[in-house]
Amino acid sequence: MLSSLQVPVAINPRLSIGGELMEHHKKHGDGDTHPSMPCEMRLSIYYFHCTCILQEHRQEYRKTPNIYFARRSSFPVPPELAGAGPSAERLQGRARRGEPGPSPAGGAGRGRAAGAAPGRTRRSLPRDRGPAGAAMAGDSPSALPVQLVEQPRLQKLKEMFISKFGSAPKFYARAPGRVNLIGEHIDYCGYAVLPMAIEQDILIAVEPVQSQVVQLANTNSSYLDFSTSVNNIQIHKTKPQWHNYFLCGLKGIQEHFGLNNPTGMNCLLDGSIPPSSGLSSSSALVCCAGLVTLRANGKTLSKVELAEICTKSERYIGTEGGGMDQSISFLAEEGTAKLIEFSPLRATDVRLPSGATFVIANSCVEMNKAATSHYNIRVMECRLATKLLSKSKGLEWRKMLRLHDVQTELRVSLEEMLTIVEEVLHPEPYSAEEICKCLGISLEELHSQILSQNMQDVSTFKLYQRAKHVYSEAARVLEFQKICSEAPANALQLLGELMQQSHISCREMYECSCPELDRLVDICLQFGAIGSRLTGAGWGGCTVSMVPTDKLNTFLKNVKKAYYQKDGQRLAVENNSLFATKPGRGALVFVEA
């Protein structure tokens, strides 16, 4: 019945009409609704009152659209109607990040995203089904019964587990790696990213045990066995060994529930994600460990809660990540990429265009985020840029931590933020002394209140370049999603251009590329990729390329010859270094049927 309601297309859950709606309801809706009425009828009446006051909101929008949506970015739905109608959460997110809203004419058309080329045809949005992430976000990861005879990898893992521990595992947990299509180094700045899960994953066979000891083993003999008491978790930041990532996930669940006597476990891990490749092998391990610990202790959490806990707990290893990797690992769905937004965490389907395949190519240069300072320096540079921009605009800079916060407080578009960066920051590196002068603080306060412990010896910071990359990359993410949604005839060309712009910005503004990545991008473009860019943290790892499907085999053959077969070290890992991929499913538990 609900699907047959004739709700005017002009209604948009982005409008925060709150008190006005209530006043209108009191004035005109005497006796309109009653708890005994069917939910569908009350929802229809509720939406009718929205339409009655929509005209004055249109007038306000015409005058100052960016300020309008920055101010009106929530939509209070009566509790009894919550979940009954279209999802508001996803649409609120667009307002929070400064994306233009509906056309002033009142239709469901979308305005141009910040940084988008003018003059492009606007199309109406499809009816909001509520993102798959919104429907699924409250669910716990699935527990899937399987016949091991039909799952050779699980069967082999079970046999190895029995050989190692002398008993059979009770369940298996899986968490996938990911490839980020666009949106590099902006999740920890508060901006949306656009990844998809890949087939490669972390798989753990688990047996809960009576002793309060966790024993970890790996099918790869180069990773040594490890055991520790579950009541004495020690994570060494200076030595980011494989078992420390498992302990991050374990500790996160343990602390969330306040487990005084957590269950011990025997665990055997098998990983198919190339390590230090930018495909999130470390975060997949943290997520899988969190899921394992959750089930072993008989607890349940939603996927969103698990993602948030694992994001925080991975910081025990020393990296200041933003949450993309953990979020896509839990919220991914087969067949669709996801726009991942933060504060609050939510995931929206992004249907990738037909006619192209995404190909991952490993540069074979390993980069471990936790073992180097590059990543955390970038995080700190963005934080310092946030504070200088805030200070220059009279904001409470001490409370500001992310570049997204500045945009939100100023209520301006991403395009306008790029102009502000040009006006306020200079391209030359900032010394610690200059930063102190700009903020009006002492060196002692900078080191004790702002710089993290592992940043104490850093003497210069590039703030202009980092902020410029973040704001422009955030705009590219929104434009990428918009193109996928509208699917114009030249969609592949437009997406390819965005990928190229992203790589150039990563290379020149964020300086997170390396010669091997740049060479690999050039080779991929030379042999037919429509777009190619580094993916992941950078400084090594992988590229992701968008390749016409009908040219895929030729592309793979030529890239193998040009990049891998001319180097003995690369040739040795060629088979696992270049592969086509498609959106895969998120984390789940297997139980033997």
Protein backbone atom coordinates (compact mmCIF):
# COMPACT_ATOMS: atom_id res chain seq x y z
CA MET A 1 0.00 0.00 0.00
CA LEU A 2 2.82 2.38 0.88
CA SER A 3 4.31 2.13 -2.59
CA SER A 4 1.06 3.38 -4.11
CA LEU A 5 1.03 6.67 -2.19
CA GLN A 6 1.10 9.67 -4.49
CA VAL A 7 3.78 11.72 -2.75
CA PRO A 8 4.66 14.84 -4.81
CA VAL A 9 8.11 14.64 -6.40
CA ALA A 10 8.97 18.04 -4.91
CA ILE A 11 9.10 16.53 -1.42
CA ASN A 12 12.68 16.11 -0.44
CA PRO A 13 13.69 14.70 2.97
CA ARG A 14 16.64 17.09 2.90
CA LEU A 15 14.39 19.90 4.17
CA SER A 16 14.68 20.58 7.88
CA ILE A 17 11.24 22.05 8.38
CA GLY A 18 11.00 20.88 11.99
CA GLY A 19 9.20 23.55 13.98
CA GLU A 20 7.46 25.02 10.93
CA LEU A 21 5.92 21.66 10.15
CA MET A 22 4.70 21.23 13.69
CA GLU A 23 3.13 24.71 13.67
CA HIS A 24 1.47 24.04 10.33
CA HIS A 25 0.23 20.70 11.62
CA LYS A 26 -1.30 22.33 14.71
CA LYS A 27 -2.95 25.02 12.64
CA HIS A 28 -4.30 22.97 9.75
CA GLY A 29 -4.15 19.36 10.84
CA ASP A 30 -6.58 19.30 13.77
CA GLY A 31 -7.44 15.68 14.15
CA ASP A 32 -5.61 14.85 10.90
CA THR A 33 -3.74 11.94 12.39
CA HIS A 34 -4.36 9.58 15.21
CA PRO A 35 -2.31 6.64 16.54
CA SER A 36 -5.10 4.30 15.44
CA MET A 37 -4.68 5.34 11.81
CA PRO A 38 -2.63 3.07 9.51
CA CYS A 39 1.01 4.14 9.28
CA GLU A 40 0.66 4.69 5.52
CA MET A 41 -2.19 7.19 6.02
CA ARG A 42 -0.32 9.14 8.70
CA LEU A 43 2.77 9.24 6.50
CA SER A 44 0.74 10.58 3.58
CA ILE A 45 -0.75 13.34 5.73
CA TYR A 46 2.68 14.16 7.15
CA TYR A 47 4.09 14.57 3.65
CA PHE A 48 1.09 16.66 2.63
CA HIS A 49 1.96 19.22 5.31
CA CYS A 50 5.52 19.28 3.92
CA THR A 51 4.21 20.32 0.51
CA CYS A 52 2.13 23.09 2.01
CA ILE A 53 5.16 25.00 3.26
CA LEU A 54 7.58 23.99 0.54
CA GLN A 55 7.03 27.16 -1.51
CA GLU A 56 8.61 29.45 1.08
CA HIS A 57 11.59 27.10 1.29
CA ARG A 58 12.02 27.35 -2.47
CA GLN A 59 12.18 31.11 -2.14
CA GLU A 60 14.93 30.84 0.47
CA TYR A 61 16.83 28.32 -1.65
CA ARG A 62 16.75 30.59 -4.72
CA LYS A 63 18.50 33.33 -2.75
CA THR A 64 21.30 31.38 -1.02
CA PRO A 65 21.26 27.64 -1.87
CA ASN A 66 24.53 26.69 -0.13
CA ILE A 67 23.62 28.46 3.10
CA TYR A 68 20.11 27.07 2.88
CA PHE A 69 21.25 23.44 2.79
CA ALA A 70 24.03 23.94 5.31
CA ARG A 71 21.43 25.25 7.78
CA ARG A 72 18.62 22.84 6.90
CA SER A 73 20.47 19.55 7.01
CA SER A 74 18.26 17.37 9.16
CA PHE A 75 14.72 16.13 8.88
CA PRO A 76 12.88 15.10 12.06
CA VAL A 77 10.47 12.30 11.18
CA PRO A 78 7.92 11.32 13.85
CA PRO A 79 9.14 8.18 15.67
CA GLU A 80 6.09 6.14 14.70
CA LEU A 81 6.87 6.80 11.03
CA ALA A 82 10.60 6.17 11.21
CA GLY A 83 11.65 3.83 8.43
CA ALA A 84 8.25 3.93 6.75
CA GLY A 85 9.10 6.31 3.94
CA PRO A 86 12.05 7.28 1.73
CA SER A 87 15.46 7.35 3.42
CA ALA A 88 16.42 10.82 4.60
CA GLU A 89 19.87 9.89 5.82
CA ARG A 90 21.55 9.72 2.44
CA LEU A 91 20.09 13.01 1.28
CA GLN A 92 21.14 14.77 4.48
CA GLY A 93 24.71 13.73 3.75
CA ARG A 94 24.77 15.69 0.51
CA ALA A 95 23.75 18.84 2.34
CA ARG A 96 26.42 18.37 5.02
CA ARG A 97 29.21 18.16 2.45
CA GLY A 98 28.03 21.21 0.49
CA GLU A 99 26.55 19.48 -2.55
CA PRO A 100 23.81 21.49 -4.25
CA GLY A 101 20.28 20.29 -3.78
CA PRO A 102 17.14 20.09 -5.88
CA SER A 103 16.59 22.51 -8.71
CA PRO A 104 14.79 25.71 -7.70
CA ALA A 105 12.00 24.67 -10.04
CA GLY A 106 11.08 22.11 -7.45
CA GLY A 107 11.68 18.90 -9.38
CA ALA A 108 13.96 16.10 -8.30
CA GLY A 109 16.77 17.31 -10.53
CA ARG A 110 20.23 17.67 -9.12
CA GLY A 111 22.43 20.70 -9.28
CA ARG A 112 26.01 20.68 -10.36
CA ALA A 113 28.43 19.16 -7.85
CA ALA A 114 31.25 21.39 -6.70
CA GLY A 115 33.96 21.41 -9.28
CA ALA A 116 31.75 19.97 -12.03
CA ALA A 117 31.93 21.31 -15.53
CA PRO A 118 29.18 23.82 -16.31
CA GLY A 119 26.66 23.26 -19.03
CA ARG A 120 26.20 19.54 -18.49
CA THR A 121 22.66 18.25 -18.83
CA ARG A 122 20.84 17.75 -15.54
CA ARG A 123 18.78 14.62 -15.11
CA SER A 124 16.31 13.66 -12.46
CA LEU A 125 17.45 11.34 -9.70
CA PRO A 126 15.97 7.86 -9.49
CA ARG A 127 13.52 7.39 -6.64
CA ASP A 128 15.43 7.00 -3.37
CA ARG A 129 15.18 3.38 -2.36
CA GLY A 130 17.31 4.04 0.69
CA PRO A 131 20.84 2.83 0.10
CA ALA A 132 21.56 -0.84 0.43
CA GLY A 133 23.85 0.30 3.22
CA ALA A 134 20.95 2.03 4.93
CA ALA A 135 18.81 -1.08 4.73
CA MET A 136 21.65 -3.31 5.79
CA ALA A 137 23.56 -1.04 8.14
CA GLY A 138 21.54 -2.10 11.15
CA ASP A 139 22.05 -5.77 10.35
CA SER A 140 24.79 -7.95 11.73
CA PRO A 141 27.13 -9.64 9.26
CA SER A 142 25.51 -12.77 7.81
CA ALA A 143 26.20 -16.29 9.05
CA LEU A 144 26.14 -18.46 5.93
CA PRO A 145 25.79 -22.27 6.14
CA VAL A 146 28.13 -23.95 3.65
CA GLN A 147 28.98 -27.45 2.46
CA LEU A 148 32.77 -27.61 2.75
CA VAL A 149 33.00 -30.15 -0.08
CA GLU A 150 31.79 -27.33 -2.34
CA GLN A 151 34.32 -24.87 -0.88
CA PRO A 152 37.85 -26.17 -1.56
CA ARG A 153 39.56 -23.26 0.21
CA LEU A 154 37.50 -23.73 3.38
CA GLN A 155 38.02 -27.50 3.25
CA LYS A 156 41.77 -27.07 2.96
CA LEU A 157 41.78 -24.53 5.79
CA LYS A 158 39.83 -26.96 7.99
CA GLU A 159 42.32 -29.75 7.32
CA MET A 160 45.26 -27.48 8.14
CA PHE A 161 43.48 -26.31 11.30
CA ILE A 162 42.98 -29.90 12.51
CA SER A 163 46.62 -30.66 11.77
CA LYS A 164 47.73 -27.59 13.72
CA PHE A 165 45.42 -27.65 16.75
CA GLY A 166 44.17 -31.26 16.87
CA SER A 167 40.49 -30.29 16.68
CA ALA A 168 38.09 -28.85 14.12
CA PRO A 169 37.14 -25.16 13.79
CA LYS A 170 33.62 -24.19 14.86
CA PHE A 171 33.20 -21.37 12.34
CA TYR A 172 35.00 -19.29 9.73
CA ALA A 173 35.04 -15.52 9.24
CA ARG A 174 35.87 -13.58 6.09
CA ALA A 175 36.63 -9.89 5.49
CA PRO A 176 37.45 -8.57 2.01
CA GLY A 177 40.09 -6.17 0.82
CA ARG A 178 39.05 -3.14 -1.19
CA VAL A 179 40.03 -0.94 -4.09
CA ASN A 180 39.28 2.75 -3.82
CA LEU A 181 38.06 3.99 -7.20
CA ILE A 182 38.40 7.66 -6.26
CA GLY A 183 38.74 9.73 -3.08
CA GLU A 184 42.30 9.27 -1.80
CA HIS A 185 43.41 10.55 1.60
CA ILE A 186 40.16 12.38 2.30
CA ASP A 187 38.25 10.02 4.60
CA TYR A 188 40.25 11.16 7.63
CA CYS A 189 39.42 14.73 6.60
CA GLY A 190 35.70 13.93 6.86
CA TYR A 191 34.88 13.57 3.16
CA ALA A 192 33.10 10.83 1.26
CA VAL A 193 35.03 8.17 -0.65
CA LEU A 194 34.06 5.67 -3.35
CA PRO A 195 35.52 2.17 -2.89
CA MET A 196 34.36 -1.33 -3.68
CA ALA A 197 35.21 -4.64 -2.04
CA ILE A 198 37.33 -7.10 -4.02
CA GLU A 199 37.39 -10.89 -4.13
CA GLN A 200 40.71 -11.13 -2.30
CA ASP A 201 40.20 -11.43 1.45
CA ILE A 202 41.30 -12.50 4.91
CA LEU A 203 39.78 -15.82 5.99
CA ILE A 204 40.09 -17.14 9.56
CA ALA A 205 39.11 -20.55 10.91
CA VAL A 206 38.16 -20.32 14.59
CA GLU A 207 37.64 -22.58 17.59
CA PRO A 208 36.58 -20.90 20.85
CA VAL A 209 38.36 -22.56 23.80
CA GLN A 210 37.96 -22.62 27.58
CA SER A 211 41.38 -21.18 28.32
CA GLN A 212 41.79 -17.41 28.11
CA VAL A 213 44.53 -17.68 25.54
CA VAL A 214 44.38 -16.73 21.88
CA GLN A 215 46.63 -18.79 19.62
CA LEU A 216 47.24 -17.42 16.14
CA ALA A 217 48.71 -19.28 13.19
CA ASN A 218 49.02 -18.42 9.50
CA THR A 219 48.90 -20.64 6.42
CA ASN A 220 51.81 -18.57 5.11
CA SER A 221 54.87 -19.93 6.93
CA SER A 222 56.69 -16.60 6.68
CA TYR A 223 54.28 -15.28 9.33
CA LEU A 224 55.24 -16.78 12.68
CA ASP A 225 52.79 -18.27 15.20
CA PHE A 226 51.78 -16.11 18.14
CA SER A 227 49.92 -16.61 21.41
CA THR A 228 48.93 -14.34 24.26
CA SER A 229 46.50 -14.04 27.14
CA VAL A 230 43.26 -12.34 26.11
CA ASN A 231 43.44 -10.40 29.38
CA ASN A 232 46.83 -8.89 28.58
CA ILE A 233 46.71 -7.49 25.07
CA GLN A 234 49.92 -5.65 24.19
CA ILE A 235 50.11 -4.00 20.75
CA HIS A 236 53.55 -2.80 19.67
CA LYS A 237 53.35 0.27 17.43
CA THR A 238 57.03 0.12 16.57
CA LYS A 239 56.71 -3.42 15.21
CA PRO A 240 53.59 -3.70 13.04
CA GLN A 241 53.74 -7.49 12.74
CA TRP A 242 50.75 -9.39 11.37
CA HIS A 243 49.42 -10.59 14.72
CA ASN A 244 49.24 -7.01 16.05
CA TYR A 245 46.49 -6.23 13.55
CA PHE A 246 44.50 -9.20 14.84
CA LEU A 247 45.00 -7.93 18.39
CA CYS A 248 43.63 -4.51 17.35
CA GLY A 249 40.32 -6.07 16.33
CA LEU A 250 40.22 -8.28 19.40
CA LYS A 251 40.95 -5.39 21.75
CA GLY A 252 38.36 -3.16 20.11
CA ILE A 253 35.53 -5.66 20.74
CA GLN A 254 36.83 -6.48 24.19
CA GLU A 255 36.82 -2.83 25.25
CA HIS A 256 33.47 -2.05 23.60
CA PHE A 257 31.68 -4.68 25.65
CA GLY A 258 33.91 -4.40 28.73
CA LEU A 259 34.69 -8.12 28.59
CA ASN A 260 36.44 -9.08 31.79
CA ASN A 261 36.82 -12.74 30.90
CA PRO A 262 36.78 -12.95 27.10
CA THR A 263 36.78 -16.31 25.38
CA GLY A 264 40.09 -17.77 24.30
CA MET A 265 40.47 -18.87 20.67
CA ASN A 266 42.51 -21.01 18.34
CA CYS A 267 42.72 -19.23 14.97
CA LEU A 268 44.25 -20.14 11.62
CA LEU A 269 44.44 -17.32 9.08
CA ASP A 270 44.64 -17.51 5.32
CA GLY A 271 45.04 -14.30 3.31
CA SER A 272 44.78 -13.72 -0.44
CA ILE A 273 45.29 -9.91 -0.40
CA PRO A 274 48.83 -8.93 -1.44
CA PRO A 275 50.44 -7.36 1.66
CA SER A 276 51.39 -3.67 1.66
CA SER A 277 49.74 -3.27 -1.75
CA GLY A 278 47.21 -0.54 -0.99
CA LEU A 279 44.32 -3.03 -1.09
CA SER A 280 43.69 -2.88 2.65
CA SER A 281 45.07 -6.21 3.81
CA SER A 282 45.78 -4.80 7.28
CA SER A 283 42.30 -3.32 7.78
CA ALA A 284 40.69 -6.52 6.46
CA LEU A 285 42.62 -8.42 9.14
CA VAL A 286 41.47 -6.00 11.86
CA CYS A 287 37.86 -6.33 10.68
CA CYS A 288 38.02 -10.10 10.47
CA ALA A 289 39.54 -10.28 13.96
CA GLY A 290 36.77 -8.05 15.29
CA LEU A 291 34.12 -10.27 13.72
CA VAL A 292 35.81 -13.41 15.04
CA THR A 293 35.97 -12.02 18.58
CA LEU A 294 32.37 -10.86 18.43
CA ARG A 295 31.02 -14.29 17.47
CA ALA A 296 33.31 -16.26 19.76
CA ASN A 297 31.98 -14.25 22.72
CA GLY A 298 28.33 -14.58 21.71
CA LYS A 299 27.83 -10.85 21.04
CA THR A 300 26.11 -9.03 18.20
CA LEU A 301 26.67 -5.63 16.58
CA SER A 302 25.45 -3.94 13.44
CA LYS A 303 27.77 -3.60 10.49
CA VAL A 304 28.05 0.13 11.08
CA GLU A 305 28.98 -0.40 14.73
CA LEU A 306 31.58 -3.00 13.76
CA ALA A 307 33.08 -0.68 11.16
CA GLU A 308 33.32 2.19 13.63
CA ILE A 309 34.86 0.02 16.34
CA CYS A 310 37.42 -1.46 13.96
CA THR A 311 38.30 2.00 12.61
CA LYS A 312 39.11 3.19 16.12
CA SER A 313 40.87 0.01 17.19
CA GLU A 314 43.22 -0.05 14.18
CA ARG A 315 44.67 3.18 15.55
CA TYR A 316 46.22 1.08 18.34
CA ILE A 317 48.85 0.15 15.74
CA GLY A 318 49.74 3.82 15.24
CA THR A 319 48.00 4.83 11.99
CA GLU A 320 45.46 7.66 11.99
CA GLY A 321 43.08 6.21 9.40
CA GLY A 322 39.70 7.69 8.54
CA GLY A 323 37.40 4.68 8.28
CA MET A 324 37.02 3.93 4.57
CA ASP A 325 38.71 0.53 4.66
CA GLN A 326 36.76 -0.83 7.60
CA SER A 327 33.47 0.59 6.35
CA ILE A 328 33.60 -0.99 2.90
CA SER A 329 34.82 -4.28 4.40
CA PHE A 330 31.58 -4.57 6.38
CA LEU A 331 29.09 -2.62 4.24
CA ALA A 332 30.07 -3.86 0.77
CA GLU A 333 27.57 -5.63 -1.44
CA GLU A 334 28.14 -7.77 -4.49
CA GLY A 335 27.60 -5.92 -7.75
CA THR A 336 27.86 -2.32 -6.53
CA ALA A 337 30.50 0.13 -5.42
CA LYS A 338 29.66 2.33 -2.43
CA LEU A 339 29.76 6.00 -1.63
CA ILE A 340 30.93 5.91 1.98
CA GLU A 341 30.07 9.00 4.04
CA PHE A 342 30.98 9.77 7.62
CA SER A 343 29.47 11.40 10.71
CA PRO A 344 27.23 9.46 10.72
CA LEU A 345 28.63 6.52 8.80
CA ARG A 346 26.45 5.47 5.88
CA ALA A 347 26.85 3.72 2.51
CA THR A 348 25.05 4.43 -0.75
CA ASP A 349 24.99 2.18 -3.82
CA VAL A 350 26.95 3.42 -6.83
CA ARG A 351 26.17 1.44 -9.96
CA LEU A 352 29.25 1.46 -12.15
CA PRO A 353 28.76 1.97 -15.89
CA SER A 354 28.59 -1.00 -18.22
CA GLY A 355 31.18 -1.41 -20.92
CA ALA A 356 34.22 -1.03 -18.66
CA THR A 357 36.15 -3.24 -16.26
CA PHE A 358 38.33 -2.10 -13.37
CA VAL A 359 41.81 -3.63 -13.34
CA ILE A 360 44.22 -3.65 -10.40
CA ALA A 361 47.96 -3.63 -11.07
CA ASN A 362 50.53 -3.98 -8.30
CA SER A 363 53.66 -1.83 -8.64
CA CYS A 364 55.45 -4.42 -6.46
CA VAL A 365 56.70 -1.60 -4.25
CA GLU A 366 55.56 -2.41 -0.72
CA MET A 367 54.49 0.34 1.66
CA ASN A 368 53.40 -0.38 5.22
CA LYS A 369 51.48 2.59 6.65
CA ALA A 370 52.28 1.71 10.23
CA ALA A 371 55.99 1.21 9.54
CA THR A 372 56.56 4.64 7.95
CA SER A 373 55.79 8.24 8.86
CA HIS A 374 54.49 9.42 5.46
CA TYR A 375 50.85 8.66 6.17
CA ASN A 376 50.66 10.19 9.64
CA ILE A 377 52.53 13.31 8.49
CA ARG A 378 49.82 13.88 5.85
CA VAL A 379 47.12 13.46 8.50
CA MET A 380 48.84 16.06 10.68
CA GLU A 381 49.38 18.47 7.78
CA CYS A 382 45.65 18.37 7.06
CA ARG A 383 44.91 19.00 10.72
CA LEU A 384 47.25 21.99 10.80
CA ALA A 385 45.74 23.36 7.58
CA THR A 386 42.33 23.02 9.24
CA LYS A 387 43.46 25.12 12.18
CA LEU A 388 45.08 27.86 10.09
CA LEU A 389 42.06 28.14 7.80
CA SER A 390 39.74 28.23 10.82
CA LYS A 391 41.82 30.87 12.57
CA SER A 392 41.85 33.08 9.47
CA LYS A 393 38.04 32.97 9.28
CA GLY A 394 37.42 33.68 12.96
CA LEU A 395 36.27 30.16 13.81
CA GLU A 396 37.00 28.28 17.05
CA TRP A 397 40.16 26.79 15.59
CA ARG A 398 41.12 24.82 18.69
CA LYS A 399 38.04 22.63 18.27
CA MET A 400 38.50 22.10 14.54
CA LEU A 401 40.16 18.84 13.51
CA ARG A 402 39.13 18.11 9.91
CA LEU A 403 39.05 20.13 6.71
CA HIS A 404 35.41 19.15 6.28
CA ASP A 405 34.65 20.95 9.56
CA VAL A 406 35.85 24.24 8.09
CA GLN A 407 33.54 23.94 5.10
CA THR A 408 30.62 23.01 7.33
CA GLU A 409 31.15 25.98 9.65
CA LEU A 410 31.62 28.45 6.79
CA ARG A 411 28.63 27.02 4.88
CA VAL A 412 30.34 27.29 1.53
CA SER A 413 30.88 24.98 -1.44
CA LEU A 414 33.99 22.94 -2.14
CA GLU A 415 34.76 25.30 -5.00
CA GLU A 416 34.69 28.23 -2.58
CA MET A 417 36.92 26.34 -0.14
CA LEU A 418 39.55 26.03 -2.88
CA THR A 419 39.43 29.81 -3.32
CA ILE A 420 39.85 30.28 0.44
CA VAL A 421 42.88 27.96 0.39
CA GLU A 422 44.45 30.14 -2.31
CA GLU A 423 43.77 33.28 -0.26
CA VAL A 424 44.90 32.04 3.16
CA LEU A 425 47.70 29.50 2.68
CA HIS A 426 50.97 29.87 0.78
CA PRO A 427 52.62 27.13 -1.30
CA GLU A 428 55.94 27.33 0.55
CA PRO A 429 56.35 24.87 3.44
CA TYR A 430 55.45 26.16 6.89
CA SER A 431 57.92 25.88 9.72
CA ALA A 432 56.73 25.02 13.22
CA GLU A 433 57.58 28.59 14.26
CA GLU A 434 55.44 30.10 11.50
CA ILE A 435 52.50 27.89 12.42
CA CYS A 436 52.81 29.05 16.02
CA LYS A 437 52.86 32.66 14.89
CA CYS A 438 49.73 32.19 12.76
CA LEU A 439 47.86 30.52 15.63
CA GLY A 440 49.23 32.77 18.37
CA ILE A 441 50.61 29.90 20.44
CA SER A 442 54.00 28.79 21.76
CA LEU A 443 56.16 26.01 20.37
CA GLU A 444 55.58 24.13 23.59
CA GLU A 445 51.80 24.28 23.08
CA LEU A 446 52.13 23.17 19.46
CA HIS A 447 54.13 20.11 20.47
CA SER A 448 52.08 19.21 23.52
CA GLN A 449 48.53 20.05 22.35
CA ILE A 450 48.49 19.58 18.56
CA LEU A 451 51.34 17.45 17.22
CA SER A 452 51.05 13.73 17.94
CA GLN A 453 53.88 11.89 19.66
CA ASN A 454 55.37 10.58 16.42
CA MET A 455 55.33 14.05 14.83
CA GLN A 456 57.58 15.78 17.34
CA ASP A 457 60.65 15.74 15.08
CA VAL A 458 58.94 16.99 11.91
CA SER A 459 60.14 20.51 11.16
CA THR A 460 58.22 21.61 8.04
CA PHE A 461 54.65 21.11 6.83
CA LYS A 462 53.05 21.60 3.39
CA LEU A 463 49.59 22.91 4.21
CA TYR A 464 48.54 24.59 0.96
CA GLN A 465 49.17 21.50 -1.17
CA ARG A 466 47.42 19.09 1.21
CA ALA A 467 44.30 21.23 1.61
CA LYS A 468 44.08 21.86 -2.13
CA HIS A 469 44.21 18.12 -2.82
CA VAL A 470 41.57 17.29 -0.22
CA TYR A 471 38.98 19.82 -1.37
CA SER A 472 39.47 19.09 -5.06
CA GLU A 473 39.42 15.32 -4.51
CA ALA A 474 36.23 15.59 -2.45
CA ALA A 475 34.61 17.39 -5.39
CA ARG A 476 35.81 14.68 -7.78
CA VAL A 477 34.17 11.98 -5.66
CA LEU A 478 30.80 13.74 -5.84
CA GLU A 479 31.17 14.26 -9.58
CA PHE A 480 32.11 10.60 -10.07
CA GLN A 481 28.97 9.49 -8.24
CA LYS A 482 26.86 11.98 -10.20
CA ILE A 483 28.12 10.67 -13.55
CA CYS A 484 27.46 7.07 -12.50
CA SER A 485 23.93 8.05 -11.47
CA GLU A 486 23.07 10.04 -14.57
CA ALA A 487 24.91 7.74 -17.03
CA PRO A 488 25.45 10.20 -19.89
CA ALA A 489 26.60 8.85 -23.26
CA ASN A 490 30.21 9.91 -22.55
CA ALA A 491 30.22 8.60 -18.96
CA LEU A 492 33.37 6.48 -19.38
CA GLN A 493 35.33 9.40 -20.81
CA LEU A 494 34.21 11.70 -17.97
CA LEU A 495 35.06 9.13 -15.29
CA GLY A 496 38.45 8.53 -16.87
CA GLU A 497 39.21 12.25 -16.77
CA LEU A 498 38.35 12.36 -13.06
CA MET A 499 40.67 9.42 -12.38
CA GLN A 500 43.49 11.21 -14.22
CA GLN A 501 42.92 14.42 -12.29
CA SER A 502 42.97 12.42 -9.06
CA HIS A 503 46.31 10.79 -9.85
CA ILE A 504 47.90 14.09 -10.81
CA SER A 505 46.71 15.64 -7.55
CA CYS A 506 47.99 12.66 -5.54
CA ARG A 507 51.35 12.93 -7.29
CA GLU A 508 51.83 16.70 -7.22
CA MET A 509 49.74 18.07 -4.34
CA TYR A 510 49.72 15.18 -1.87
CA GLU A 511 53.05 13.68 -2.97
CA CYS A 512 51.97 10.14 -2.20
CA SER A 513 52.97 8.52 -5.48
CA CYS A 514 56.34 7.04 -6.46
CA PRO A 515 58.22 6.55 -9.77
CA GLU A 516 57.00 2.96 -10.15
CA LEU A 517 53.34 3.94 -9.68
CA ASP A 518 53.69 6.80 -12.16
CA ARG A 519 55.33 4.46 -14.69
CA LEU A 520 52.57 1.88 -14.22
CA VAL A 521 49.85 4.50 -14.71
CA ASP A 522 51.54 5.64 -17.94
CA ILE A 523 51.75 2.06 -19.21
CA CYS A 524 48.09 1.38 -18.43
CA LEU A 525 47.03 4.53 -20.30
CA GLN A 526 49.32 3.67 -23.20
CA PHE A 527 47.66 0.29 -23.67
CA GLY A 528 44.05 1.40 -23.61
CA ALA A 529 42.93 2.36 -20.10
CA ILE A 530 40.38 5.17 -20.15
CA GLY A 531 41.57 6.28 -16.72
CA SER A 532 44.25 5.12 -14.30
CA ARG A 533 45.40 6.25 -10.87
CA LEU A 534 47.14 5.07 -7.73
CA THR A 535 44.81 3.54 -5.16
CA GLY A 536 45.28 3.19 -1.42
CA ALA A 537 47.71 5.19 0.68
CA GLY A 538 50.32 5.33 -2.08
CA TRP A 539 54.14 5.49 -1.94
CA GLY A 540 53.89 2.04 -3.54
CA GLY A 541 51.11 -0.51 -3.80
CA CYS A 542 48.61 -0.62 -6.65
CA THR A 543 47.00 1.31 -9.45
CA VAL A 544 43.38 0.95 -10.53
CA SER A 545 42.51 1.39 -14.21
CA MET A 546 39.21 1.60 -16.05
CA VAL A 547 39.47 -0.48 -19.23
CA PRO A 548 36.93 -1.03 -22.04
CA THR A 549 35.66 -4.57 -21.50
CA ASP A 550 36.14 -5.51 -25.16
CA LYS A 551 39.84 -4.58 -24.90
CA LEU A 552 40.50 -6.26 -21.53
CA ASN A 553 42.48 -9.31 -22.71
CA THR A 554 44.75 -7.26 -24.97
CA PHE A 555 45.27 -4.73 -22.17
CA LEU A 556 46.30 -7.41 -19.66
CA LYS A 557 48.69 -9.01 -22.12
CA ASN A 558 50.41 -5.74 -23.02
CA VAL A 559 50.74 -4.48 -19.42
CA LYS A 560 52.23 -7.82 -18.34
CA LYS A 561 54.82 -7.58 -21.06
CA ALA A 562 55.65 -3.91 -20.50
CA TYR A 563 55.82 -3.80 -16.69
CA TYR A 564 56.21 -7.30 -15.25
CA GLN A 565 58.09 -9.47 -17.74
CA LYS A 566 61.01 -7.03 -18.02
CA ASP A 567 61.80 -7.33 -14.30
CA GLY A 568 62.68 -10.61 -12.63
CA GLN A 569 61.31 -9.65 -9.22
CA ARG A 570 57.99 -8.49 -10.69
CA LEU A 571 57.77 -11.53 -12.96
CA ALA A 572 57.87 -13.81 -9.90
CA VAL A 573 54.63 -12.34 -8.55
CA GLU A 574 53.01 -11.52 -11.91
CA ASN A 575 49.99 -13.81 -11.52
CA ASN A 576 48.84 -12.14 -8.30
CA SER A 577 49.76 -8.62 -9.37
CA LEU A 578 47.52 -7.87 -12.36
CA PHE A 579 43.85 -8.80 -12.39
CA ALA A 580 40.40 -7.58 -13.30
CA THR A 581 37.96 -7.13 -10.44
CA LYS A 582 34.32 -6.37 -9.79
CA PRO A 583 32.39 -5.25 -6.68
CA GLY A 584 32.31 -8.06 -4.11
CA ARG A 585 30.42 -8.79 -0.91
CA GLY A 586 31.28 -7.65 2.58
CA ALA A 587 32.38 -9.49 5.72
CA LEU A 588 30.48 -12.56 6.84
CA VAL A 589 30.67 -15.76 8.88
CA PHE A 590 30.60 -19.30 7.47
CA VAL A 591 29.33 -22.26 9.48
CA GLU A 592 29.58 -25.83 8.31
CA ALA A 593 26.15 -27.13 7.28
